[in-house]
Amino acid sequence: MANHTNHNSHAESHGSLKSYVIGFILSIVLTIIPLVLVMNPLFSKVGTIVAIMIMAVLQFVIQLFFFMHIREGEKPRWNVQTLVLGLVIVLTIVAGSIWIMAFNV
């Protein structure tokens, strides 16, 4: 018979129930805030748009860390660095496109 190792030792770690509940509650709150801002005009139009964008970025971060487990894995540092590089590339393309469209008159 072959010597079998414990298969659970290499199992991927997942978040705890507490972590999922915290992430879910934060996601709900970050969804309700923009809804309240739109339904009750507390800020100017630009202020409301900026607040919605901030809530969207925070929602993105919450999803990554609480549900996608970006900090977990064999090399979590590389996961985060790859994500940051991807975001820099995407933001450069979007900003460059907006720049070209705005000043191509």
PDB file of N, CA and C in Angstrom:
ATOM      1  N   MET A   1       0.830  -1.179   0.000  1.00  0.00           N
ATOM      2  CA  MET A   1       0.000   0.000   0.000  1.00  0.00           C
ATOM      3  C   MET A   1       0.877   1.245   0.000  1.00  0.00           C
ATOM      4  N   ALA A   2       0.434   2.208  -0.713  1.00  0.00           N
ATOM      5  CA  ALA A   2       1.169   3.473  -0.770  1.00  0.00           C
ATOM      6  C   ALA A   2       0.848   4.303   0.463  1.00  0.00           C
ATOM      7  N   ASN A   3       1.818   5.081   0.853  1.00  0.00           N
ATOM      8  CA  ASN A   3       1.633   5.962   2.006  1.00  0.00           C
ATOM      9  C   ASN A   3       0.847   7.191   1.565  1.00  0.00           C
ATOM     10  N   HIS A   4      -0.340   7.367   2.115  1.00  0.00           N
ATOM     11  CA  HIS A   4      -1.191   8.498   1.736  1.00  0.00           C
ATOM     12  C   HIS A   4      -1.024   9.624   2.747  1.00  0.00           C
ATOM     13  N   THR A   5      -0.867  10.816   2.236  1.00  0.00           N
ATOM     14  CA  THR A   5      -0.779  11.971   3.125  1.00  0.00           C
ATOM     15  C   THR A   5      -2.167  12.525   3.368  1.00  0.00           C
ATOM     16  N   ASN A   6      -2.268  13.332   4.350  1.00  0.00           N
ATOM     17  CA  ASN A   6      -3.535  13.954   4.684  1.00  0.00           C
ATOM     18  C   ASN A   6      -3.879  15.004   3.628  1.00  0.00           C
ATOM     19  N   HIS A   7      -4.966  14.812   2.929  1.00  0.00           N
ATOM     20  CA  HIS A   7      -5.354  15.729   1.859  1.00  0.00           C
ATOM     21  C   HIS A   7      -5.849  17.064   2.390  1.00  0.00           C
ATOM     22  N   ASN A   8      -6.252  17.107   3.633  1.00  0.00           N
ATOM     23  CA  ASN A   8      -6.754  18.350   4.203  1.00  0.00           C
ATOM     24  C   ASN A   8      -5.653  19.355   4.495  1.00  0.00           C
ATOM     25  N   SER A   9      -4.395  18.896   4.547  1.00  0.00           N
ATOM     26  CA  SER A   9      -3.314  19.818   4.860  1.00  0.00           C
ATOM     27  C   SER A   9      -3.074  20.816   3.741  1.00  0.00           C
ATOM     28  N   HIS A  10      -3.461  20.469   2.509  1.00  0.00           N
ATOM     29  CA  HIS A  10      -3.262  21.364   1.374  1.00  0.00           C
ATOM     30  C   HIS A  10      -4.565  22.025   0.927  1.00  0.00           C
ATOM     31  N   ALA A  11      -5.596  21.892   1.707  1.00  0.00           N
ATOM     32  CA  ALA A  11      -6.887  22.484   1.350  1.00  0.00           C
ATOM     33  C   ALA A  11      -6.778  24.004   1.402  1.00  0.00           C
ATOM     34  N   GLU A  12      -7.479  24.640   0.492  1.00  0.00           N
ATOM     35  CA  GLU A  12      -7.472  26.105   0.466  1.00  0.00           C
ATOM     36  C   GLU A  12      -8.224  26.635   1.677  1.00  0.00           C
ATOM     37  N   SER A  13      -7.697  27.684   2.253  1.00  0.00           N
ATOM     38  CA  SER A  13      -8.382  28.279   3.385  1.00  0.00           C
ATOM     39  C   SER A  13      -9.452  29.239   2.871  1.00  0.00           C
ATOM     40  N   HIS A  14     -10.582  29.188   3.492  1.00  0.00           N
ATOM     41  CA  HIS A  14     -11.690  30.060   3.127  1.00  0.00           C
ATOM     42  C   HIS A  14     -12.020  30.922   4.326  1.00  0.00           C
ATOM     43  N   GLY A  15     -12.774  31.967   4.066  1.00  0.00           N
ATOM     44  CA  GLY A  15     -13.136  32.876   5.136  1.00  0.00           C
ATOM     45  C   GLY A  15     -14.066  32.234   6.138  1.00  0.00           C
ATOM     46  N   SER A  16     -14.071  32.787   7.314  1.00  0.00           N
ATOM     47  CA  SER A  16     -14.962  32.297   8.354  1.00  0.00           C
ATOM     48  C   SER A  16     -16.346  32.901   8.159  1.00  0.00           C
ATOM     49  N   LEU A  17     -17.293  32.382   8.882  1.00  0.00           N
ATOM     50  CA  LEU A  17     -18.655  32.915   8.823  1.00  0.00           C
ATOM     51  C   LEU A  17     -18.663  34.374   9.258  1.00  0.00           C
ATOM     52  N   LYS A  18     -17.869  34.690  10.282  1.00  0.00           N
ATOM     53  CA  LYS A  18     -17.780  36.068  10.770  1.00  0.00           C
ATOM     54  C   LYS A  18     -17.286  37.000   9.662  1.00  0.00           C
ATOM     55  N   SER A  19     -16.266  36.567   8.932  1.00  0.00           N
ATOM     56  CA  SER A  19     -15.720  37.382   7.848  1.00  0.00           C
ATOM     57  C   SER A  19     -16.758  37.595   6.740  1.00  0.00           C
ATOM     58  N   TYR A  20     -17.490  36.538   6.394  1.00  0.00           N
ATOM     59  CA  TYR A  20     -18.521  36.671   5.365  1.00  0.00           C
ATOM     60  C   TYR A  20     -19.652  37.598   5.808  1.00  0.00           C
ATOM     61  N   VAL A  21     -20.058  37.499   7.065  1.00  0.00           N
ATOM     62  CA  VAL A  21     -21.135  38.347   7.573  1.00  0.00           C
ATOM     63  C   VAL A  21     -20.693  39.811   7.591  1.00  0.00           C
ATOM     64  N   ILE A  22     -19.455  40.063   8.037  1.00  0.00           N
ATOM     65  CA  ILE A  22     -18.940  41.442   8.040  1.00  0.00           C
ATOM     66  C   ILE A  22     -18.892  41.994   6.615  1.00  0.00           C
ATOM     67  N   GLY A  23     -18.385  41.203   5.685  1.00  0.00           N
ATOM     68  CA  GLY A  23     -18.338  41.628   4.290  1.00  0.00           C
ATOM     69  C   GLY A  23     -19.722  41.892   3.718  1.00  0.00           C
ATOM     70  N   PHE A  24     -20.671  41.024   4.043  1.00  0.00           N
ATOM     71  CA  PHE A  24     -22.037  41.191   3.552  1.00  0.00           C
ATOM     72  C   PHE A  24     -22.663  42.464   4.106  1.00  0.00           C
ATOM     73  N   ILE A  25     -22.508  42.707   5.402  1.00  0.00           N
ATOM     74  CA  ILE A  25     -23.082  43.914   6.011  1.00  0.00           C
ATOM     75  C   ILE A  25     -22.444  45.169   5.427  1.00  0.00           C
ATOM     76  N   LEU A  26     -21.116  45.161   5.263  1.00  0.00           N
ATOM     77  CA  LEU A  26     -20.450  46.321   4.657  1.00  0.00           C
ATOM     78  C   LEU A  26     -20.925  46.541   3.218  1.00  0.00           C
ATOM     79  N   SER A  27     -21.143  45.460   2.478  1.00  0.00           N
ATOM     80  CA  SER A  27     -21.641  45.587   1.108  1.00  0.00           C
ATOM     81  C   SER A  27     -23.040  46.197   1.086  1.00  0.00           C
ATOM     82  N   ILE A  28     -23.886  45.764   2.002  1.00  0.00           N
ATOM     83  CA  ILE A  28     -25.246  46.314   2.086  1.00  0.00           C
ATOM     84  C   ILE A  28     -25.181  47.807   2.413  1.00  0.00           C
ATOM     85  N   VAL A  29     -24.361  48.179   3.393  1.00  0.00           N
ATOM     86  CA  VAL A  29     -24.248  49.586   3.789  1.00  0.00           C
ATOM     87  C   VAL A  29     -23.721  50.427   2.621  1.00  0.00           C
ATOM     88  N   LEU A  30     -22.707  49.902   1.921  1.00  0.00           N
ATOM     89  CA  LEU A  30     -22.130  50.646   0.803  1.00  0.00           C
ATOM     90  C   LEU A  30     -23.049  50.680  -0.415  1.00  0.00           C
ATOM     91  N   THR A  31     -24.091  49.892  -0.411  1.00  0.00           N
ATOM     92  CA  THR A  31     -25.114  49.961  -1.456  1.00  0.00           C
ATOM     93  C   THR A  31     -26.220  50.941  -1.059  1.00  0.00           C
ATOM     94  N   ILE A  32     -26.551  50.969   0.219  1.00  0.00           N
ATOM     95  CA  ILE A  32     -27.635  51.837   0.698  1.00  0.00           C
ATOM     96  C   ILE A  32     -27.218  53.306   0.685  1.00  0.00           C
ATOM     97  N   ILE A  33     -25.966  53.604   1.010  1.00  0.00           N
ATOM     98  CA  ILE A  33     -25.512  54.999   1.069  1.00  0.00           C
ATOM     99  C   ILE A  33     -25.734  55.735  -0.259  1.00  0.00           C
ATOM    100  N   PRO A  34     -25.299  55.203  -1.405  1.00  0.00           N
ATOM    101  CA  PRO A  34     -25.572  55.917  -2.667  1.00  0.00           C
ATOM    102  C   PRO A  34     -27.071  56.047  -2.960  1.00  0.00           C
ATOM    103  N   LEU A  35     -27.846  55.030  -2.585  1.00  0.00           N
ATOM    104  CA  LEU A  35     -29.294  55.109  -2.788  1.00  0.00           C
ATOM    105  C   LEU A  35     -29.886  56.269  -2.002  1.00  0.00           C
ATOM    106  N   VAL A  36     -29.476  56.415  -0.750  1.00  0.00           N
ATOM    107  CA  VAL A  36     -29.957  57.517   0.082  1.00  0.00           C
ATOM    108  C   VAL A  36     -29.507  58.855  -0.501  1.00  0.00           C
ATOM    109  N   LEU A  37     -28.262  58.927  -0.983  1.00  0.00           N
ATOM    110  CA  LEU A  37     -27.751  60.174  -1.557  1.00  0.00           C
ATOM    111  C   LEU A  37     -28.524  60.587  -2.810  1.00  0.00           C
ATOM    112  N   VAL A  38     -28.952  59.611  -3.585  1.00  0.00           N
ATOM    113  CA  VAL A  38     -29.706  59.924  -4.801  1.00  0.00           C
ATOM    114  C   VAL A  38     -31.150  60.286  -4.472  1.00  0.00           C
ATOM    115  N   MET A  39     -31.742  59.563  -3.529  1.00  0.00           N
ATOM    116  CA  MET A  39     -33.139  59.813  -3.185  1.00  0.00           C
ATOM    117  C   MET A  39     -33.327  61.129  -2.422  1.00  0.00           C
ATOM    118  N   ASN A  40     -32.339  61.517  -1.626  1.00  0.00           N
ATOM    119  CA  ASN A  40     -32.383  62.767  -0.867  1.00  0.00           C
ATOM    120  C   ASN A  40     -31.198  63.619  -1.298  1.00  0.00           C
ATOM    121  N   PRO A  41     -31.421  64.583  -2.172  1.00  0.00           N
ATOM    122  CA  PRO A  41     -30.283  65.364  -2.685  1.00  0.00           C
ATOM    123  C   PRO A  41     -29.596  66.173  -1.579  1.00  0.00           C
ATOM    124  N   LEU A  42     -28.634  65.538  -0.898  1.00  0.00           N
ATOM    125  CA  LEU A  42     -27.903  66.195   0.179  1.00  0.00           C
ATOM    126  C   LEU A  42     -26.716  66.987  -0.348  1.00  0.00           C
ATOM    127  N   PHE A  43     -26.162  66.549  -1.485  1.00  0.00           N
ATOM    128  CA  PHE A  43     -25.000  67.199  -2.085  1.00  0.00           C
ATOM    129  C   PHE A  43     -25.385  67.744  -3.450  1.00  0.00           C
ATOM    130  N   SER A  44     -24.459  68.488  -4.037  1.00  0.00           N
ATOM    131  CA  SER A  44     -24.658  68.913  -5.420  1.00  0.00           C
ATOM    132  C   SER A  44     -24.550  67.681  -6.318  1.00  0.00           C
ATOM    133  N   LYS A  45     -24.836  67.873  -7.601  1.00  0.00           N
ATOM    134  CA  LYS A  45     -24.793  66.757  -8.544  1.00  0.00           C
ATOM    135  C   LYS A  45     -23.383  66.157  -8.596  1.00  0.00           C
ATOM    136  N   VAL A  46     -22.376  67.014  -8.661  1.00  0.00           N
ATOM    137  CA  VAL A  46     -20.993  66.535  -8.716  1.00  0.00           C
ATOM    138  C   VAL A  46     -20.616  65.844  -7.403  1.00  0.00           C
ATOM    139  N   GLY A  47     -21.030  66.413  -6.285  1.00  0.00           N
ATOM    140  CA  GLY A  47     -20.745  65.803  -4.987  1.00  0.00           C
ATOM    141  C   GLY A  47     -21.374  64.422  -4.853  1.00  0.00           C
ATOM    142  N   THR A  48     -22.591  64.279  -5.359  1.00  0.00           N
ATOM    143  CA  THR A  48     -23.277  62.992  -5.321  1.00  0.00           C
ATOM    144  C   THR A  48     -22.544  61.975  -6.184  1.00  0.00           C
ATOM    145  N   ILE A  49     -22.117  62.388  -7.373  1.00  0.00           N
ATOM    146  CA  ILE A  49     -21.390  61.475  -8.265  1.00  0.00           C
ATOM    147  C   ILE A  49     -20.069  61.050  -7.631  1.00  0.00           C
ATOM    148  N   VAL A  50     -19.355  61.987  -7.020  1.00  0.00           N
ATOM    149  CA  VAL A  50     -18.091  61.658  -6.353  1.00  0.00           C
ATOM    150  C   VAL A  50     -18.341  60.689  -5.194  1.00  0.00           C
ATOM    151  N   ALA A  51     -19.371  60.925  -4.414  1.00  0.00           N
ATOM    152  CA  ALA A  51     -19.690  60.038  -3.291  1.00  0.00           C
ATOM    153  C   ALA A  51     -20.042  58.642  -3.790  1.00  0.00           C
ATOM    154  N   ILE A  52     -20.794  58.554  -4.867  1.00  0.00           N
ATOM    155  CA  ILE A  52     -21.149  57.251  -5.440  1.00  0.00           C
ATOM    156  C   ILE A  52     -19.899  56.523  -5.930  1.00  0.00           C
ATOM    157  N   MET A  53     -18.990  57.249  -6.564  1.00  0.00           N
ATOM    158  CA  MET A  53     -17.756  56.633  -7.047  1.00  0.00           C
ATOM    159  C   MET A  53     -16.901  56.132  -5.877  1.00  0.00           C
ATOM    160  N   ILE A  54     -16.842  56.900  -4.801  1.00  0.00           N
ATOM    161  CA  ILE A  54     -16.082  56.464  -3.622  1.00  0.00           C
ATOM    162  C   ILE A  54     -16.697  55.199  -3.033  1.00  0.00           C
ATOM    163  N   MET A  55     -18.022  55.166  -2.948  1.00  0.00           N
ATOM    164  CA  MET A  55     -18.700  53.974  -2.433  1.00  0.00           C
ATOM    165  C   MET A  55     -18.456  52.767  -3.343  1.00  0.00           C
ATOM    166  N   ALA A  56     -18.394  52.995  -4.650  1.00  0.00           N
ATOM    167  CA  ALA A  56     -18.133  51.901  -5.592  1.00  0.00           C
ATOM    168  C   ALA A  56     -16.726  51.336  -5.398  1.00  0.00           C
ATOM    169  N   VAL A  57     -15.748  52.204  -5.207  1.00  0.00           N
ATOM    170  CA  VAL A  57     -14.375  51.747  -4.986  1.00  0.00           C
ATOM    171  C   VAL A  57     -14.280  50.979  -3.663  1.00  0.00           C
ATOM    172  N   LEU A  58     -14.921  51.497  -2.633  1.00  0.00           N
ATOM    173  CA  LEU A  58     -14.922  50.796  -1.347  1.00  0.00           C
ATOM    174  C   LEU A  58     -15.613  49.438  -1.464  1.00  0.00           C
ATOM    175  N   GLN A  59     -16.702  49.399  -2.211  1.00  0.00           N
ATOM    176  CA  GLN A  59     -17.409  48.135  -2.445  1.00  0.00           C
ATOM    177  C   GLN A  59     -16.495  47.130  -3.157  1.00  0.00           C
ATOM    178  N   PHE A  60     -15.725  47.606  -4.130  1.00  0.00           N
ATOM    179  CA  PHE A  60     -14.775  46.774  -4.866  1.00  0.00           C
ATOM    180  C   PHE A  60     -13.732  46.184  -3.910  1.00  0.00           C
ATOM    181  N   VAL A  61     -13.207  47.019  -3.038  1.00  0.00           N
ATOM    182  CA  VAL A  61     -12.191  46.568  -2.085  1.00  0.00           C
ATOM    183  C   VAL A  61     -12.788  45.548  -1.110  1.00  0.00           C
ATOM    184  N   ILE A  62     -13.986  45.815  -0.626  1.00  0.00           N
ATOM    185  CA  ILE A  62     -14.653  44.881   0.289  1.00  0.00           C
ATOM    186  C   ILE A  62     -14.857  43.531  -0.389  1.00  0.00           C
ATOM    187  N   GLN A  63     -15.323  43.543  -1.633  1.00  0.00           N
ATOM    188  CA  GLN A  63     -15.534  42.287  -2.362  1.00  0.00           C
ATOM    189  C   GLN A  63     -14.232  41.515  -2.515  1.00  0.00           C
ATOM    190  N   LEU A  64     -13.153  42.216  -2.843  1.00  0.00           N
ATOM    191  CA  LEU A  64     -11.859  41.547  -3.032  1.00  0.00           C
ATOM    192  C   LEU A  64     -11.353  40.902  -1.749  1.00  0.00           C
ATOM    193  N   PHE A  65     -11.396  41.622  -0.664  1.00  0.00           N
ATOM    194  CA  PHE A  65     -10.780  41.126   0.552  1.00  0.00           C
ATOM    195  C   PHE A  65     -11.665  40.176   1.344  1.00  0.00           C
ATOM    196  N   PHE A  66     -12.979  40.384   1.344  1.00  0.00           N
ATOM    197  CA  PHE A  66     -13.844  39.527   2.151  1.00  0.00           C
ATOM    198  C   PHE A  66     -14.376  38.323   1.386  1.00  0.00           C
ATOM    199  N   PHE A  67     -14.554  38.426   0.068  1.00  0.00           N
ATOM    200  CA  PHE A  67     -15.164  37.329  -0.683  1.00  0.00           C
ATOM    201  C   PHE A  67     -14.210  36.665  -1.672  1.00  0.00           C
ATOM    202  N   MET A  68     -13.311  37.419  -2.266  1.00  0.00           N
ATOM    203  CA  MET A  68     -12.381  36.851  -3.246  1.00  0.00           C
ATOM    204  C   MET A  68     -11.078  36.372  -2.586  1.00  0.00           C
ATOM    205  N   HIS A  69     -10.884  36.659  -1.323  1.00  0.00           N
ATOM    206  CA  HIS A  69      -9.727  36.208  -0.545  1.00  0.00           C
ATOM    207  C   HIS A  69      -8.411  36.587  -1.217  1.00  0.00           C
ATOM    208  N   ILE A  70      -8.293  37.838  -1.605  1.00  0.00           N
ATOM    209  CA  ILE A  70      -7.115  38.296  -2.324  1.00  0.00           C
ATOM    210  C   ILE A  70      -5.855  38.208  -1.455  1.00  0.00           C
ATOM    211  N   ARG A  71      -5.987  38.242  -0.145  1.00  0.00           N
ATOM    212  CA  ARG A  71      -4.827  38.177   0.743  1.00  0.00           C
ATOM    213  C   ARG A  71      -4.430  36.749   1.086  1.00  0.00           C
ATOM    214  N   GLU A  72      -5.221  35.785   0.665  1.00  0.00           N
ATOM    215  CA  GLU A  72      -4.944  34.398   1.018  1.00  0.00           C
ATOM    216  C   GLU A  72      -4.314  33.682  -0.164  1.00  0.00           C
ATOM    217  N   GLY A  73      -3.768  32.538   0.074  1.00  0.00           N
ATOM    218  CA  GLY A  73      -3.143  31.757  -0.978  1.00  0.00           C
ATOM    219  C   GLY A  73      -1.675  31.546  -0.665  1.00  0.00           C
ATOM    220  N   GLU A  74      -0.968  30.927  -1.607  1.00  0.00           N
ATOM    221  CA  GLU A  74       0.441  30.639  -1.380  1.00  0.00           C
ATOM    222  C   GLU A  74       1.278  31.908  -1.348  1.00  0.00           C
ATOM    223  N   LYS A  75       0.988  32.834  -2.248  1.00  0.00           N
ATOM    224  CA  LYS A  75       1.755  34.072  -2.314  1.00  0.00           C
ATOM    225  C   LYS A  75       0.805  35.258  -2.410  1.00  0.00           C
ATOM    226  N   PRO A  76       0.208  35.665  -1.279  1.00  0.00           N
ATOM    227  CA  PRO A  76      -0.782  36.746  -1.327  1.00  0.00           C
ATOM    228  C   PRO A  76      -0.199  38.075  -1.785  1.00  0.00           C
ATOM    229  N   ARG A  77       1.081  38.292  -1.521  1.00  0.00           N
ATOM    230  CA  ARG A  77       1.710  39.550  -1.934  1.00  0.00           C
ATOM    231  C   ARG A  77       1.693  39.679  -3.456  1.00  0.00           C
ATOM    232  N   TRP A  78       1.954  38.581  -4.146  1.00  0.00           N
ATOM    233  CA  TRP A  78       1.942  38.604  -5.616  1.00  0.00           C
ATOM    234  C   TRP A  78       0.527  38.842  -6.137  1.00  0.00           C
ATOM    235  N   ASN A  79      -0.485  38.303  -5.451  1.00  0.00           N
ATOM    236  CA  ASN A  79      -1.874  38.530  -5.860  1.00  0.00           C
ATOM    237  C   ASN A  79      -2.209  40.014  -5.818  1.00  0.00           C
ATOM    238  N   VAL A  80      -1.826  40.657  -4.730  1.00  0.00           N
ATOM    239  CA  VAL A  80      -2.121  42.084  -4.566  1.00  0.00           C
ATOM    240  C   VAL A  80      -1.330  42.913  -5.573  1.00  0.00           C
ATOM    241  N   GLN A  81      -0.055  42.576  -5.775  1.00  0.00           N
ATOM    242  CA  GLN A  81       0.762  43.321  -6.729  1.00  0.00           C
ATOM    243  C   GLN A  81       0.238  43.172  -8.150  1.00  0.00           C
ATOM    244  N   THR A  82      -0.204  41.980  -8.512  1.00  0.00           N
ATOM    245  CA  THR A  82      -0.780  41.766  -9.839  1.00  0.00           C
ATOM    246  C   THR A  82      -2.064  42.557 -10.005  1.00  0.00           C
ATOM    247  N   LEU A  83      -2.889  42.585  -8.967  1.00  0.00           N
ATOM    248  CA  LEU A  83      -4.126  43.363  -9.009  1.00  0.00           C
ATOM    249  C   LEU A  83      -3.825  44.849  -9.179  1.00  0.00           C
ATOM    250  N   VAL A  84      -2.863  45.358  -8.436  1.00  0.00           N
ATOM    251  CA  VAL A  84      -2.505  46.782  -8.531  1.00  0.00           C
ATOM    252  C   VAL A  84      -1.995  47.102  -9.934  1.00  0.00           C
ATOM    253  N   LEU A  85      -1.132  46.252 -10.497  1.00  0.00           N
ATOM    254  CA  LEU A  85      -0.638  46.483 -11.849  1.00  0.00           C
ATOM    255  C   LEU A  85      -1.784  46.493 -12.857  1.00  0.00           C
ATOM    256  N   GLY A  86      -2.707  45.554 -12.731  1.00  0.00           N
ATOM    257  CA  GLY A  86      -3.871  45.521 -13.619  1.00  0.00           C
ATOM    258  C   GLY A  86      -4.710  46.781 -13.509  1.00  0.00           C
ATOM    259  N   LEU A  87      -4.909  47.262 -12.277  1.00  0.00           N
ATOM    260  CA  LEU A  87      -5.678  48.488 -12.076  1.00  0.00           C
ATOM    261  C   LEU A  87      -4.969  49.702 -12.669  1.00  0.00           C
ATOM    262  N   VAL A  88      -3.647  49.762 -12.536  1.00  0.00           N
ATOM    263  CA  VAL A  88      -2.888  50.870 -13.120  1.00  0.00           C
ATOM    264  C   VAL A  88      -3.038  50.868 -14.641  1.00  0.00           C
ATOM    265  N   ILE A  89      -2.958  49.696 -15.238  1.00  0.00           N
ATOM    266  CA  ILE A  89      -3.103  49.602 -16.697  1.00  0.00           C
ATOM    267  C   ILE A  89      -4.502  50.024 -17.123  1.00  0.00           C
ATOM    268  N   VAL A  90      -5.523  49.520 -16.439  1.00  0.00           N
ATOM    269  CA  VAL A  90      -6.905  49.875 -16.797  1.00  0.00           C
ATOM    270  C   VAL A  90      -7.149  51.371 -16.615  1.00  0.00           C
ATOM    271  N   LEU A  91      -6.715  51.931 -15.487  1.00  0.00           N
ATOM    272  CA  LEU A  91      -6.913  53.362 -15.245  1.00  0.00           C
ATOM    273  C   LEU A  91      -6.159  54.220 -16.258  1.00  0.00           C
ATOM    274  N   THR A  92      -4.971  53.769 -16.672  1.00  0.00           N
ATOM    275  CA  THR A  92      -4.215  54.499 -17.693  1.00  0.00           C
ATOM    276  C   THR A  92      -4.962  54.503 -19.021  1.00  0.00           C
ATOM    277  N   ILE A  93      -5.513  53.375 -19.393  1.00  0.00           N
ATOM    278  CA  ILE A  93      -6.268  53.293 -20.649  1.00  0.00           C
ATOM    279  C   ILE A  93      -7.526  54.153 -20.580  1.00  0.00           C
ATOM    280  N   VAL A  94      -8.254  54.068 -19.468  1.00  0.00           N
ATOM    281  CA  VAL A  94      -9.487  54.861 -19.329  1.00  0.00           C
ATOM    282  C   VAL A  94      -9.163  56.350 -19.308  1.00  0.00           C
ATOM    283  N   ALA A  95      -8.175  56.753 -18.502  1.00  0.00           N
ATOM    284  CA  ALA A  95      -7.811  58.173 -18.421  1.00  0.00           C
ATOM    285  C   ALA A  95      -7.291  58.677 -19.765  1.00  0.00           C
ATOM    286  N   GLY A  96      -6.492  57.880 -20.448  1.00  0.00           N
ATOM    287  CA  GLY A  96      -5.992  58.272 -21.764  1.00  0.00           C
ATOM    288  C   GLY A  96      -7.118  58.421 -22.779  1.00  0.00           C
ATOM    289  N   SER A  97      -8.078  57.525 -22.737  1.00  0.00           N
ATOM    290  CA  SER A  97      -9.225  57.609 -23.650  1.00  0.00           C
ATOM    291  C   SER A  97     -10.050  58.855 -23.383  1.00  0.00           C
ATOM    292  N   ILE A  98     -10.288  59.140 -22.096  1.00  0.00           N
ATOM    293  CA  ILE A  98     -11.048  60.350 -21.745  1.00  0.00           C
ATOM    294  C   ILE A  98     -10.275  61.596 -22.168  1.00  0.00           C
ATOM    295  N   TRP A  99      -8.975  61.601 -21.953  1.00  0.00           N
ATOM    296  CA  TRP A  99      -8.120  62.722 -22.351  1.00  0.00           C
ATOM    297  C   TRP A  99      -8.224  62.952 -23.862  1.00  0.00           C
ATOM    298  N   ILE A 100      -8.105  61.905 -24.639  1.00  0.00           N
ATOM    299  CA  ILE A 100      -8.176  62.023 -26.095  1.00  0.00           C
ATOM    300  C   ILE A 100      -9.544  62.525 -26.538  1.00  0.00           C
ATOM    301  N   MET A 101     -10.598  61.980 -25.957  1.00  0.00           N
ATOM    302  CA  MET A 101     -11.949  62.408 -26.338  1.00  0.00           C
ATOM    303  C   MET A 101     -12.226  63.843 -25.930  1.00  0.00           C
ATOM    304  N   ALA A 102     -11.691  64.274 -24.790  1.00  0.00           N
ATOM    305  CA  ALA A 102     -11.954  65.634 -24.312  1.00  0.00           C
ATOM    306  C   ALA A 102     -11.193  66.683 -25.111  1.00  0.00           C
ATOM    307  N   PHE A 103      -9.986  66.377 -25.554  1.00  0.00           N
ATOM    308  CA  PHE A 103      -9.151  67.379 -26.209  1.00  0.00           C
ATOM    309  C   PHE A 103      -8.986  67.153 -27.714  1.00  0.00           C
ATOM    310  N   ASN A 104      -9.797  66.291 -28.276  1.00  0.00           N
ATOM    311  CA  ASN A 104      -9.755  66.041 -29.709  1.00  0.00           C
ATOM    312  C   ASN A 104     -10.822  66.889 -30.408  1.00  0.00           C
ATOM    313  N   VAL A 105     -10.711  68.181 -30.246  1.00  0.00           N
ATOM    314  CA  VAL A 105     -11.706  69.106 -30.789  1.00  0.00           C
ATOM    315  C   VAL A 105     -11.200  69.758 -32.042  1.00  0.00           C
TER     316      VAL A 105
END
